[in-house]
Amino acid sequence: MMKSTRARFVIVALLVCTFAIGMATFLNYFKYKATVGETVKSRVLVVANPIETSVQASLALGLNFAELGILNSLLARQKASDTLITGIDVYDTAGKILYSTDSPRVGQQAPAAWLEAARSMGKKEDWAVEEKNQLVTGIALKNNFDLTAGFLAVRYSRAYLDAATGRVAEKLLSTAIPVLAVIGLLAPLALMLVMRRFDRDMHAVTAALQSDAPVSGPFADAVADMKKNLAEADKGLDAAQAELARLA
């Protein structure tokens, strides 16, 4: 019985240690992924500042948002400034792409996910969408009256982010597995030592309860109180039996 209990304690200890290490590893991984993702997004959004300034200046001169002829060349220059960027698109509030570094995209409808993310960003300064083969982030383009004229979308490769998070995942696993192995060896040994001492204390308590021998250790006071209570209970039972016998 005691061996079965001991085995259960060991299994529980191993499960708890595995869960704790696993959760710590996963939390560190996702925290790193989120941090790198935000860093890369901020990096590619740097190209949006000159574009936003140019759009605001053109709109202030009374030009129509759909007739900003110099914007395509500006988009091309900004795309070339960062190798992570695969394309830049500017579309109106209805979702029609007006300017793009990829000319075939001009006149097409922006993906619904872009529109939804851009329209729901609220007070945030940017929006982001994660797609299968690329990541997309952008800002709202506003005129001098703080009215949204359209949106800017910067498309960039997710290969860099995936490679960085992949390296961190490998490093975390290479750290977690040896730690788990060491704990898997030390935890059962420590638990067995504790259980062995507990077994000795329980045997001493049992022997003390079955005889008048004193018990030492952490359970000494509890055993003394228990023996005293049992003795008083025996006296009470004896008195009750004597009273029942007298009445009979």
Protein backbone atom coordinates (compact mmCIF):
# COMPACT_ATOMS: atom_id res chain seq x y z
CA MET A 1 0.00 0.00 0.00
CA MET A 2 2.74 2.44 0.98
CA LYS A 3 4.76 1.56 -2.12
CA SER A 4 1.72 2.27 -4.29
CA THR A 5 1.20 5.63 -2.56
CA ARG A 6 4.86 6.48 -2.97
CA ALA A 7 4.70 5.70 -6.70
CA ARG A 8 1.66 7.93 -7.07
CA PHE A 9 3.44 10.81 -5.33
CA VAL A 10 6.43 10.40 -7.65
CA ILE A 11 4.19 10.41 -10.75
CA VAL A 12 2.34 13.51 -9.56
CA ALA A 13 5.63 15.29 -8.82
CA LEU A 14 6.95 14.49 -12.30
CA LEU A 15 3.72 15.69 -13.92
CA VAL A 16 3.79 18.95 -11.96
CA CYS A 17 7.44 19.58 -12.86
CA THR A 18 6.80 18.79 -16.53
CA PHE A 19 3.80 21.11 -16.63
CA ALA A 20 5.70 23.95 -14.93
CA ILE A 21 8.71 23.71 -17.24
CA GLY A 22 6.50 23.34 -20.30
CA MET A 23 4.40 26.38 -19.43
CA ALA A 24 7.50 28.47 -18.71
CA THR A 25 8.97 27.46 -22.07
CA PHE A 26 5.80 28.22 -24.02
CA LEU A 27 5.26 31.57 -22.26
CA ASN A 28 8.85 32.65 -22.97
CA TYR A 29 8.46 31.61 -26.61
CA PHE A 30 5.23 33.51 -27.21
CA LYS A 31 6.53 36.54 -25.31
CA TYR A 32 9.64 36.62 -27.51
CA LYS A 33 7.54 36.12 -30.66
CA ALA A 34 5.25 39.02 -29.72
CA THR A 35 8.22 41.27 -28.91
CA VAL A 36 10.02 40.50 -32.17
CA GLY A 37 6.79 40.89 -34.11
CA GLU A 38 6.23 44.37 -32.66
CA THR A 39 9.85 45.32 -33.31
CA VAL A 40 9.72 44.24 -36.95
CA LYS A 41 6.36 45.97 -37.42
CA SER A 42 7.76 49.21 -36.03
CA ARG A 43 10.76 48.85 -38.33
CA VAL A 44 8.73 48.53 -41.53
CA LEU A 45 6.30 51.25 -40.49
CA VAL A 46 9.14 53.76 -40.56
CA VAL A 47 8.59 53.98 -44.33
CA ALA A 48 5.03 55.21 -43.70
CA ASN A 49 6.09 58.55 -42.23
CA PRO A 50 7.28 60.24 -45.48
CA ILE A 51 4.27 58.81 -47.34
CA GLU A 52 1.86 60.15 -44.74
CA THR A 53 3.54 63.57 -44.82
CA SER A 54 3.39 63.69 -48.61
CA VAL A 55 -0.30 62.75 -48.68
CA GLN A 56 -1.22 65.35 -46.08
CA ALA A 57 0.73 68.06 -47.92
CA SER A 58 -0.92 67.18 -51.24
CA LEU A 59 -4.40 67.12 -49.73
CA ALA A 60 -3.73 70.48 -48.07
CA LEU A 61 -3.08 71.94 -51.53
CA GLY A 62 -6.54 70.81 -52.60
CA LEU A 63 -5.49 67.79 -54.65
CA ASN A 64 -7.83 64.82 -54.87
CA PHE A 65 -6.73 61.68 -53.03
CA ALA A 66 -7.10 59.67 -56.23
CA GLU A 67 -4.91 62.07 -58.24
CA LEU A 68 -1.61 62.11 -56.34
CA GLY A 69 0.68 61.36 -59.27
CA ILE A 70 3.98 61.47 -57.35
CA LEU A 71 2.86 58.85 -54.84
CA ASN A 72 3.80 55.80 -56.91
CA SER A 73 7.44 56.86 -57.21
CA LEU A 74 7.54 57.63 -53.47
CA LEU A 75 6.15 54.19 -52.67
CA ALA A 76 8.85 52.58 -54.84
CA ARG A 77 11.63 54.49 -53.05
CA GLN A 78 10.28 53.60 -49.62
CA LYS A 79 9.97 49.94 -50.54
CA ALA A 80 13.61 49.86 -51.69
CA SER A 81 14.73 51.28 -48.33
CA ASP A 82 14.07 48.02 -46.47
CA THR A 83 14.68 44.52 -47.79
CA LEU A 84 11.94 43.07 -45.59
CA ILE A 85 9.23 44.99 -47.43
CA THR A 86 7.63 43.11 -50.33
CA GLY A 87 5.12 45.78 -51.31
CA ILE A 88 3.26 48.94 -50.32
CA ASP A 89 -0.36 49.72 -51.20
CA VAL A 90 -2.54 52.77 -50.68
CA TYR A 91 -6.30 52.34 -50.89
CA ASP A 92 -9.31 54.51 -50.23
CA THR A 93 -11.94 54.07 -47.53
CA ALA A 94 -14.00 51.87 -49.88
CA GLY A 95 -11.09 49.46 -50.25
CA LYS A 96 -10.03 50.30 -53.81
CA ILE A 97 -6.26 50.23 -54.29
CA LEU A 98 -5.23 53.55 -55.84
CA TYR A 99 -1.43 53.32 -55.62
CA SER A 100 0.90 50.34 -55.29
CA THR A 101 4.48 49.28 -55.82
CA ASP A 102 2.98 46.39 -57.82
CA SER A 103 1.18 48.05 -60.73
CA PRO A 104 -1.20 45.10 -61.44
CA ARG A 105 -2.73 45.64 -58.00
CA VAL A 106 -3.89 49.17 -58.83
CA GLY A 107 -7.66 49.24 -59.26
CA GLN A 108 -8.17 45.98 -57.40
CA GLN A 109 -10.03 45.63 -54.14
CA ALA A 110 -8.00 45.38 -50.96
CA PRO A 111 -8.56 42.18 -48.95
CA ALA A 112 -11.53 42.33 -46.60
CA ALA A 113 -9.25 41.55 -43.63
CA TRP A 114 -7.25 44.71 -44.33
CA LEU A 115 -10.35 46.85 -44.43
CA GLU A 116 -11.75 45.34 -41.25
CA ALA A 117 -8.46 45.78 -39.37
CA ALA A 118 -7.99 49.35 -40.59
CA ARG A 119 -11.55 50.41 -39.79
CA SER A 120 -11.50 48.81 -36.33
CA MET A 121 -8.16 50.15 -35.10
CA GLY A 122 -9.93 52.93 -33.17
CA LYS A 123 -7.44 55.12 -31.33
CA LYS A 124 -4.49 52.90 -32.20
CA GLU A 125 -1.88 54.36 -34.51
CA ASP A 126 -1.55 51.29 -36.71
CA TRP A 127 -3.23 48.04 -37.70
CA ALA A 128 -1.87 44.59 -38.56
CA VAL A 129 -3.01 41.43 -40.33
CA GLU A 130 -1.21 38.09 -40.35
CA GLU A 131 -1.54 36.15 -43.59
CA LYS A 132 -0.23 32.76 -44.61
CA ASN A 133 2.76 33.94 -46.64
CA GLN A 134 3.21 37.51 -45.45
CA LEU A 135 2.50 40.00 -42.70
CA VAL A 136 0.69 43.27 -43.33
CA THR A 137 0.66 46.43 -41.24
CA GLY A 138 -0.44 49.95 -41.95
CA ILE A 139 -1.82 53.28 -40.86
CA ALA A 140 -4.72 55.57 -41.67
CA LEU A 141 -3.98 58.46 -44.02
CA LYS A 142 -5.76 61.61 -42.84
CA ASN A 143 -6.15 65.13 -44.15
CA ASN A 144 -5.58 68.34 -42.22
CA PHE A 145 -9.09 68.12 -40.78
CA ASP A 146 -8.23 64.75 -39.20
CA LEU A 147 -10.60 62.94 -41.57
CA THR A 148 -9.52 59.58 -42.96
CA ALA A 149 -8.91 59.78 -46.70
CA GLY A 150 -7.57 56.26 -47.09
CA PHE A 151 -5.21 53.67 -45.70
CA LEU A 152 -1.61 52.64 -46.20
CA ALA A 153 -0.64 48.94 -46.16
CA VAL A 154 2.94 47.72 -45.92
CA ARG A 155 3.45 44.08 -46.88
CA TYR A 156 6.56 42.34 -45.57
CA SER A 157 7.97 38.83 -45.49
CA ARG A 158 7.27 36.65 -42.49
CA ALA A 159 10.34 34.50 -43.20
CA TYR A 160 12.53 36.72 -41.02
CA LEU A 161 10.13 36.51 -38.07
CA ASP A 162 9.63 32.77 -38.51
CA ALA A 163 13.39 32.17 -38.66
CA ALA A 164 14.03 34.25 -35.53
CA THR A 165 11.28 32.59 -33.51
CA GLY A 166 12.39 29.18 -34.79
CA ARG A 167 15.91 29.73 -33.47
CA VAL A 168 14.56 30.82 -30.10
CA ALA A 169 12.24 27.80 -29.97
CA GLU A 170 15.20 25.48 -30.54
CA LYS A 171 17.24 27.25 -27.86
CA LEU A 172 14.39 27.09 -25.34
CA LEU A 173 13.86 23.39 -26.03
CA SER A 174 17.58 22.68 -25.76
CA THR A 175 17.47 24.34 -22.32
CA ALA A 176 14.16 22.91 -21.12
CA ILE A 177 14.87 19.26 -21.97
CA PRO A 178 18.07 18.94 -19.85
CA VAL A 179 16.40 20.82 -16.99
CA LEU A 180 13.44 18.47 -17.19
CA ALA A 181 15.78 15.47 -17.25
CA VAL A 182 17.66 16.67 -14.15
CA ILE A 183 14.43 17.41 -12.30
CA GLY A 184 13.06 14.07 -13.42
CA LEU A 185 15.98 12.40 -11.62
CA LEU A 186 16.21 14.62 -8.55
CA ALA A 187 12.51 15.06 -7.78
CA PRO A 188 11.76 11.33 -7.26
CA LEU A 189 14.92 10.95 -5.15
CA ALA A 190 14.02 13.90 -2.95
CA LEU A 191 10.44 12.73 -2.67
CA MET A 192 11.54 9.20 -1.77
CA LEU A 193 13.74 10.56 1.03
CA VAL A 194 10.82 12.59 2.37
CA MET A 195 8.46 9.64 2.08
CA ARG A 196 10.95 7.36 3.84
CA ARG A 197 11.14 9.73 6.78
CA PHE A 198 7.38 10.01 6.77
CA ASP A 199 7.13 6.20 6.83
CA ARG A 200 9.40 6.05 9.88
CA ASP A 201 7.33 8.68 11.68
CA MET A 202 4.09 6.84 10.88
CA HIS A 203 5.52 3.53 12.15
CA ALA A 204 6.67 5.27 15.33
CA VAL A 205 3.19 6.78 15.82
CA THR A 206 1.52 3.40 15.26
CA ALA A 207 3.85 1.70 17.73
CA ALA A 208 3.27 4.43 20.32
CA LEU A 209 -0.50 4.15 19.99
CA GLN A 210 -0.39 0.38 20.40
CA SER A 211 1.79 0.52 23.50
CA ASP A 212 2.81 2.81 26.30
CA ALA A 213 6.16 3.57 24.68
CA PRO A 214 6.79 7.28 24.20
CA VAL A 215 7.20 8.68 20.70
CA SER A 216 9.72 11.31 19.64
CA GLY A 217 9.78 13.56 16.63
CA PRO A 218 7.35 16.05 15.10
CA PHE A 219 4.28 13.99 16.03
CA ALA A 220 5.15 13.57 19.72
CA ASP A 221 2.72 16.19 21.03
CA ALA A 222 -0.08 15.04 18.74
CA VAL A 223 0.37 11.42 19.79
CA ALA A 224 0.41 12.38 23.49
CA ASP A 225 -2.82 14.34 23.09
CA MET A 226 -4.39 11.50 21.14
CA LYS A 227 -3.44 8.92 23.77
CA LYS A 228 -4.79 11.19 26.50
CA ASN A 229 -8.08 11.63 24.62
CA LEU A 230 -8.35 7.89 23.98
CA ALA A 231 -7.71 7.16 27.66
CA GLU A 232 -10.42 9.60 28.70
CA ALA A 233 -12.77 8.09 26.12
CA ASP A 234 -12.06 4.59 27.51
CA LYS A 235 -12.82 5.81 31.06
CA GLY A 236 -16.08 7.34 29.81
CA LEU A 237 -17.07 4.10 28.10
CA ASP A 238 -16.20 2.05 31.19
CA ALA A 239 -18.30 4.36 33.37
CA ALA A 240 -21.21 4.15 30.95
CA GLN A 241 -21.01 0.35 30.86
CA ALA A 242 -20.92 0.22 34.68
CA GLU A 243 -23.95 2.47 34.90
CA LEU A 244 -25.84 0.34 32.36
CA ALA A 245 -24.96 -2.79 34.32
CA ARG A 246 -26.19 -1.23 37.59
CA LEU A 247 -29.49 -0.20 36.04
CA ALA A 248 -29.99 -3.63 34.55
